[in-house]
Protein backbone atom coordinates (compact mmCIF):
# COMPACT_ATOMS: atom_id res chain seq x y z
CA MET A 1 -15.18 11.30 -17.60
CA THR A 2 -16.63 10.21 -20.94
CA ALA A 3 -17.84 6.68 -21.45
CA PRO A 4 -16.12 4.76 -24.30
CA LYS A 5 -18.00 4.55 -27.55
CA LEU A 6 -20.04 1.39 -27.98
CA THR A 7 -18.96 -0.34 -31.17
CA PRO A 8 -21.49 -2.02 -33.48
CA PRO A 9 -22.07 -5.70 -32.77
CA PRO A 10 -20.21 -8.15 -35.02
CA PRO A 11 -22.41 -10.11 -37.46
CA THR A 12 -23.41 -13.55 -36.25
CA GLY A 13 -24.69 -14.86 -39.57
CA ILE A 14 -28.19 -15.32 -38.10
CA GLY A 15 -30.30 -12.74 -39.92
CA VAL A 16 -32.99 -12.12 -37.32
CA LEU A 17 -30.46 -11.92 -34.49
CA ASP A 18 -28.21 -9.57 -36.48
CA ARG A 19 -31.14 -7.26 -37.20
CA TRP A 20 -32.21 -7.27 -33.54
CA LEU A 21 -28.65 -6.61 -32.32
CA ALA A 22 -28.27 -3.75 -34.83
CA LEU A 23 -31.55 -2.20 -33.66
CA LEU A 24 -30.49 -2.54 -30.01
CA TRP A 25 -27.10 -0.98 -30.80
CA ARG A 26 -28.79 1.97 -32.56
CA LEU A 27 -31.07 2.50 -29.54
CA LEU A 28 -28.20 2.32 -27.07
CA THR A 29 -25.95 4.66 -29.00
CA ALA A 30 -28.51 7.35 -29.88
CA ASP A 31 -28.39 10.34 -27.56
CA GLY A 32 -31.02 10.30 -24.84
CA GLN A 33 -32.68 7.07 -25.96
CA ILE A 34 -32.61 5.19 -22.69
CA GLY A 35 -33.15 7.22 -19.58
CA TRP A 36 -32.27 5.97 -16.14
CA SER A 37 -36.01 6.24 -15.23
CA GLN A 38 -36.77 3.67 -17.97
CA VAL A 39 -34.58 1.02 -16.37
CA ASP A 40 -36.61 -1.35 -14.24
CA LYS A 41 -34.96 -1.41 -10.87
CA THR A 42 -37.66 -3.46 -9.12
CA GLY A 43 -36.10 -5.60 -6.46
CA SER A 44 -32.75 -3.83 -6.76
CA SER A 45 -31.04 -2.01 -4.02
CA ILE A 46 -27.74 -0.23 -3.71
CA ALA A 47 -27.47 -2.15 -0.47
CA ASP A 48 -26.82 -5.25 -2.64
CA ILE A 49 -23.39 -3.82 -3.22
CA ASP A 50 -22.81 -3.31 0.43
CA ASP A 51 -22.67 -7.00 1.31
CA VAL A 52 -19.73 -7.81 -1.01
CA THR A 53 -16.45 -8.59 0.71
CA VAL A 54 -13.43 -8.88 -1.55
CA THR A 55 -10.17 -9.82 0.20
CA ALA A 56 -6.93 -10.00 -1.82
CA PRO A 57 -8.54 -10.60 -5.20
CA SER A 58 -6.53 -12.55 -7.79
CA ASP A 59 -6.90 -13.75 -11.35
CA GLY A 60 -9.42 -16.56 -11.87
CA GLU A 61 -11.45 -15.85 -8.77
CA MET A 62 -15.22 -15.33 -8.76
CA LEU A 63 -17.86 -13.98 -6.43
CA ILE A 64 -19.87 -16.57 -4.55
CA TYR A 65 -22.71 -16.14 -2.06
CA SER A 66 -21.70 -17.55 1.30
CA ASN A 67 -23.26 -17.12 4.74
CA GLY A 68 -25.34 -14.13 3.67
CA GLU A 69 -22.70 -12.17 1.81
CA TRP A 70 -20.82 -12.17 -1.46
CA VAL A 71 -17.16 -13.09 -1.19
CA ASN A 72 -14.36 -13.75 -3.65
CA SER A 73 -13.21 -17.31 -4.03
CA GLY A 74 -11.02 -19.44 -6.27
CA PRO A 75 -12.68 -22.02 -8.43
CA THR A 76 -13.89 -25.15 -6.67
CA ALA A 77 -13.66 -28.69 -8.00
CA ALA A 78 -17.37 -28.51 -8.86
CA THR A 79 -17.03 -25.27 -10.89
CA GLN A 80 -13.94 -26.56 -12.68
CA GLN A 81 -15.74 -29.77 -13.56
CA ALA A 82 -18.79 -27.86 -14.83
CA TYR A 83 -16.55 -25.58 -16.90
CA SER A 84 -14.65 -28.50 -18.36
CA ALA A 85 -17.90 -30.31 -19.25
CA ARG A 86 -19.06 -27.24 -21.22
CA HIS A 87 -15.79 -26.16 -22.78
CA GLY A 88 -13.83 -29.41 -23.10
């Protein structure tokens, strides 16, 4: 299976950010530029994925950490209020 081609980032109108994003895009899309050994995996573990329990997922749900594991959950009043405060 081939990964989809990463398209160039759209311009933001912020010169320094656009130049940085363009440089990052060139590095990410060049063959062999970022090897798996170059990715800092300190503190990561494949076991992190093992403690995710998703039951009957549906649109609008998110993962939350509850009682030592990640579970899917619908939005709570607190998350809806925080979202509304940020996005009107």
